[in-house]
Each structure stands twice: as structure tokens, then as C-alpha cells.
């Protein structure tokens, strides 16, 4: 099964998947520790585009280099 295709179909179709996760607080705390120890330059590269909220439509125009697109909301 092509999980990437399933995920794209869910996202592009604005679908939801409900389920449960077999995790508890200690798992989330372990994830926080792992992210704290991760290379910050690597983490920053995961955000490939930042788009001002006023231009939100651009965030939905997929680019080949996209990993994570972030809408920036700035207080005026």
C-alpha cells in the first residue's frame, strides 16, 4: 500500500482519520527530550516555507521542495 498516496488523498480531500495511540505521558516526554537534543539546523530545514497569513492561498500551492509550510501570524 502506498501510504504517501493515502496521506495525500486524506489531506487533499480534507478528510479525517480517527483512532487511538498506544502512548502515554512518558512517550511524549521522551519525544520532547529527543527534539531538544536534535540538531537545530536539521529541525529548521523541516520548515521549507513561511507564508504570511495574508497570502495563505500560496501555502496551498505545493512546491516540489515543500516539507512543512508554515503560516506566519504576526501581531501588528
N, C-alpha and C. Protein backbone atom coordinates (compact mmCIF):
# COMPACT_ATOMS: atom_id res chain seq x y z
N UNK A 1 0.85 -1.18 0.00
CA UNK A 1 0.00 0.00 0.00
C UNK A 1 0.89 1.23 0.00
N UNK A 2 0.58 2.19 -0.84
CA UNK A 2 1.33 3.44 -0.91
C UNK A 2 0.76 4.39 0.13
N UNK A 3 1.39 4.43 1.30
CA UNK A 3 0.92 5.26 2.40
C UNK A 3 0.97 6.73 2.04
N UNK A 4 1.97 7.12 1.25
CA UNK A 4 2.06 8.52 0.81
C UNK A 4 0.84 8.92 0.01
N UNK A 5 0.39 8.03 -0.88
CA UNK A 5 -0.80 8.32 -1.68
C UNK A 5 -2.04 8.40 -0.79
N UNK A 6 -2.14 7.51 0.18
CA UNK A 6 -3.27 7.55 1.11
C UNK A 6 -3.27 8.87 1.87
N UNK A 7 -2.09 9.27 2.35
CA UNK A 7 -1.99 10.51 3.10
C UNK A 7 -2.36 11.71 2.23
N UNK A 8 -1.86 11.75 1.00
CA UNK A 8 -2.20 12.86 0.10
C UNK A 8 -3.70 12.91 -0.15
N UNK A 9 -4.32 11.76 -0.37
CA UNK A 9 -5.77 11.72 -0.61
C UNK A 9 -6.53 12.25 0.60
N UNK A 10 -6.07 11.89 1.79
CA UNK A 10 -6.72 12.39 3.01
C UNK A 10 -6.58 13.90 3.12
N UNK A 11 -5.36 14.39 2.90
CA UNK A 11 -5.11 15.83 3.05
C UNK A 11 -5.84 16.61 1.96
N UNK A 12 -5.68 16.20 0.73
CA UNK A 12 -6.28 16.94 -0.37
C UNK A 12 -7.81 16.85 -0.36
N UNK A 13 -8.34 15.76 0.18
CA UNK A 13 -9.79 15.61 0.29
C UNK A 13 -10.34 16.16 1.58
N UNK A 14 -9.46 16.80 2.38
CA UNK A 14 -9.86 17.38 3.67
C UNK A 14 -10.57 16.34 4.53
N UNK A 15 -10.01 15.13 4.54
CA UNK A 15 -10.58 14.00 5.29
C UNK A 15 -9.93 13.90 6.67
N UNK A 16 -10.54 13.13 7.54
CA UNK A 16 -10.02 12.89 8.87
C UNK A 16 -9.89 11.40 9.12
N UNK A 17 -8.94 11.07 9.97
CA UNK A 17 -8.77 9.70 10.42
C UNK A 17 -8.79 9.73 11.94
N UNK A 18 -9.64 8.92 12.52
CA UNK A 18 -9.73 8.85 13.97
C UNK A 18 -9.19 7.51 14.43
N UNK A 19 -8.55 7.53 15.56
CA UNK A 19 -8.03 6.29 16.11
C UNK A 19 -7.45 6.56 17.48
N UNK A 20 -6.73 5.62 17.96
CA UNK A 20 -6.09 5.79 19.25
C UNK A 20 -4.60 5.51 19.10
N UNK A 21 -3.85 6.07 20.01
CA UNK A 21 -2.41 5.88 20.02
C UNK A 21 -2.05 5.22 21.33
N UNK A 22 -1.25 4.19 21.25
CA UNK A 22 -0.82 3.49 22.45
C UNK A 22 0.42 4.19 22.99
N UNK A 23 0.19 5.37 23.56
CA UNK A 23 1.28 6.15 24.12
C UNK A 23 0.79 6.82 25.39
N UNK A 24 1.71 7.12 26.24
CA UNK A 24 1.34 7.82 27.46
C UNK A 24 2.28 9.00 27.65
N UNK A 25 2.13 9.66 28.76
CA UNK A 25 2.91 10.88 29.01
C UNK A 25 4.41 10.64 28.87
N UNK A 26 4.91 9.51 29.32
CA UNK A 26 6.35 9.26 29.25
C UNK A 26 6.83 9.21 27.80
N UNK A 27 5.98 8.73 26.88
CA UNK A 27 6.35 8.71 25.47
C UNK A 27 6.47 10.14 24.92
N UNK A 28 5.54 11.00 25.29
CA UNK A 28 5.60 12.39 24.83
C UNK A 28 6.80 13.11 25.44
N UNK A 29 7.08 12.82 26.70
CA UNK A 29 8.25 13.43 27.35
C UNK A 29 9.53 12.96 26.67
N UNK A 30 9.59 11.70 26.28
CA UNK A 30 10.76 11.18 25.56
C UNK A 30 10.90 11.88 24.21
N UNK A 31 9.78 12.15 23.54
CA UNK A 31 9.82 12.85 22.26
C UNK A 31 10.34 14.27 22.45
N UNK A 32 9.90 14.93 23.50
CA UNK A 32 10.38 16.29 23.79
C UNK A 32 11.90 16.26 24.00
N UNK A 33 12.39 15.31 24.77
CA UNK A 33 13.84 15.20 25.01
C UNK A 33 14.59 14.96 23.70
N UNK A 34 14.04 14.09 22.86
CA UNK A 34 14.69 13.80 21.58
C UNK A 34 14.75 15.05 20.71
N UNK A 35 13.66 15.82 20.67
CA UNK A 35 13.65 17.04 19.87
C UNK A 35 14.58 18.09 20.45
N UNK A 36 14.68 18.15 21.78
CA UNK A 36 15.60 19.10 22.40
C UNK A 36 17.05 18.78 22.05
N UNK A 37 17.35 17.50 21.87
CA UNK A 37 18.71 17.07 21.57
C UNK A 37 19.00 17.02 20.08
N UNK A 38 17.98 17.17 19.25
CA UNK A 38 18.16 17.09 17.80
C UNK A 38 18.94 18.31 17.31
N UNK A 39 19.59 18.14 16.21
CA UNK A 39 20.33 19.22 15.57
C UNK A 39 19.35 20.32 15.15
N UNK A 40 19.51 21.51 15.71
CA UNK A 40 18.55 22.59 15.44
C UNK A 40 18.56 23.00 13.97
N UNK A 41 19.70 22.91 13.30
CA UNK A 41 19.75 23.24 11.87
C UNK A 41 18.90 22.26 11.07
N UNK A 42 18.94 20.99 11.45
CA UNK A 42 18.12 19.97 10.78
C UNK A 42 16.64 20.26 11.01
N UNK A 43 16.29 20.57 12.25
CA UNK A 43 14.89 20.88 12.55
C UNK A 43 14.41 22.09 11.75
N UNK A 44 15.25 23.12 11.65
CA UNK A 44 14.86 24.32 10.91
C UNK A 44 14.64 24.02 9.43
N UNK A 45 15.39 23.06 8.88
CA UNK A 45 15.23 22.72 7.46
C UNK A 45 13.90 22.01 7.18
N UNK A 46 13.25 21.49 8.22
CA UNK A 46 11.95 20.85 8.01
C UNK A 46 10.89 21.86 7.61
N UNK A 47 11.04 23.09 8.07
CA UNK A 47 10.14 24.17 7.66
C UNK A 47 10.74 24.76 6.40
N UNK A 48 10.13 24.43 5.27
CA UNK A 48 10.71 24.82 3.99
C UNK A 48 10.17 26.14 3.46
N UNK A 49 9.00 26.54 3.94
CA UNK A 49 8.46 27.84 3.52
C UNK A 49 7.67 28.45 4.65
N UNK A 50 7.79 29.77 4.76
CA UNK A 50 6.97 30.55 5.70
C UNK A 50 6.16 31.52 4.85
N UNK A 51 4.86 31.51 5.04
CA UNK A 51 3.96 32.32 4.22
C UNK A 51 3.17 33.25 5.14
N UNK A 52 3.16 34.55 4.84
CA UNK A 52 2.34 35.47 5.65
C UNK A 52 0.86 35.07 5.58
N UNK A 53 0.17 35.24 6.68
CA UNK A 53 -1.24 34.86 6.74
C UNK A 53 -2.05 35.51 5.62
N UNK A 54 -1.73 36.75 5.28
CA UNK A 54 -2.47 37.45 4.23
C UNK A 54 -2.35 36.74 2.87
N UNK A 55 -1.30 35.96 2.70
CA UNK A 55 -1.08 35.23 1.44
C UNK A 55 -1.33 33.73 1.61
N UNK A 56 -2.27 33.37 2.49
CA UNK A 56 -2.48 31.97 2.84
C UNK A 56 -2.71 31.07 1.64
N UNK A 57 -3.27 31.63 0.55
CA UNK A 57 -3.53 30.80 -0.64
C UNK A 57 -2.22 30.20 -1.17
N UNK A 58 -1.14 30.96 -1.06
CA UNK A 58 0.16 30.48 -1.55
C UNK A 58 0.63 29.24 -0.78
N UNK A 59 0.22 29.12 0.47
CA UNK A 59 0.64 27.97 1.27
C UNK A 59 0.06 26.67 0.72
N UNK A 60 -1.05 26.77 -0.01
CA UNK A 60 -1.70 25.59 -0.55
C UNK A 60 -1.23 25.24 -1.96
N UNK A 61 -0.36 26.07 -2.52
CA UNK A 61 0.22 25.78 -3.83
C UNK A 61 1.50 25.00 -3.61
N UNK A 62 1.40 23.70 -3.80
CA UNK A 62 2.51 22.81 -3.49
C UNK A 62 3.71 23.09 -4.37
N UNK A 63 4.87 23.09 -3.74
CA UNK A 63 6.13 23.22 -4.46
C UNK A 63 6.91 21.93 -4.25
N UNK A 64 7.74 21.57 -5.20
CA UNK A 64 8.49 20.32 -5.14
C UNK A 64 9.38 20.22 -3.90
N UNK A 65 9.81 21.34 -3.38
CA UNK A 65 10.73 21.34 -2.24
C UNK A 65 10.01 21.39 -0.89
N UNK A 66 8.69 21.42 -0.89
CA UNK A 66 7.94 21.54 0.37
C UNK A 66 8.11 20.31 1.25
N UNK A 67 8.37 20.59 2.52
CA UNK A 67 8.29 19.57 3.56
C UNK A 67 7.19 20.04 4.52
N UNK A 68 7.39 21.21 5.10
CA UNK A 68 6.39 21.79 6.00
C UNK A 68 6.29 23.27 5.68
N UNK A 69 5.08 23.71 5.39
CA UNK A 69 4.82 25.12 5.11
C UNK A 69 4.11 25.69 6.32
N UNK A 70 4.57 26.84 6.79
CA UNK A 70 4.04 27.45 7.99
C UNK A 70 3.40 28.79 7.64
N UNK A 71 2.20 29.02 8.15
CA UNK A 71 1.56 30.32 8.02
C UNK A 71 2.06 31.18 9.19
N UNK A 72 2.57 32.36 8.86
CA UNK A 72 3.07 33.25 9.90
C UNK A 72 1.98 34.23 10.30
N UNK A 73 1.71 34.27 11.59
CA UNK A 73 0.75 35.21 12.15
C UNK A 73 1.54 36.15 13.03
N UNK A 74 1.58 37.40 12.64
CA UNK A 74 2.37 38.38 13.39
C UNK A 74 1.44 39.43 13.97
N UNK A 75 1.69 39.74 15.23
CA UNK A 75 0.91 40.79 15.90
C UNK A 75 1.31 42.14 15.34
N UNK A 76 0.34 42.99 15.11
CA UNK A 76 0.61 44.27 14.50
C UNK A 76 0.96 45.33 15.40
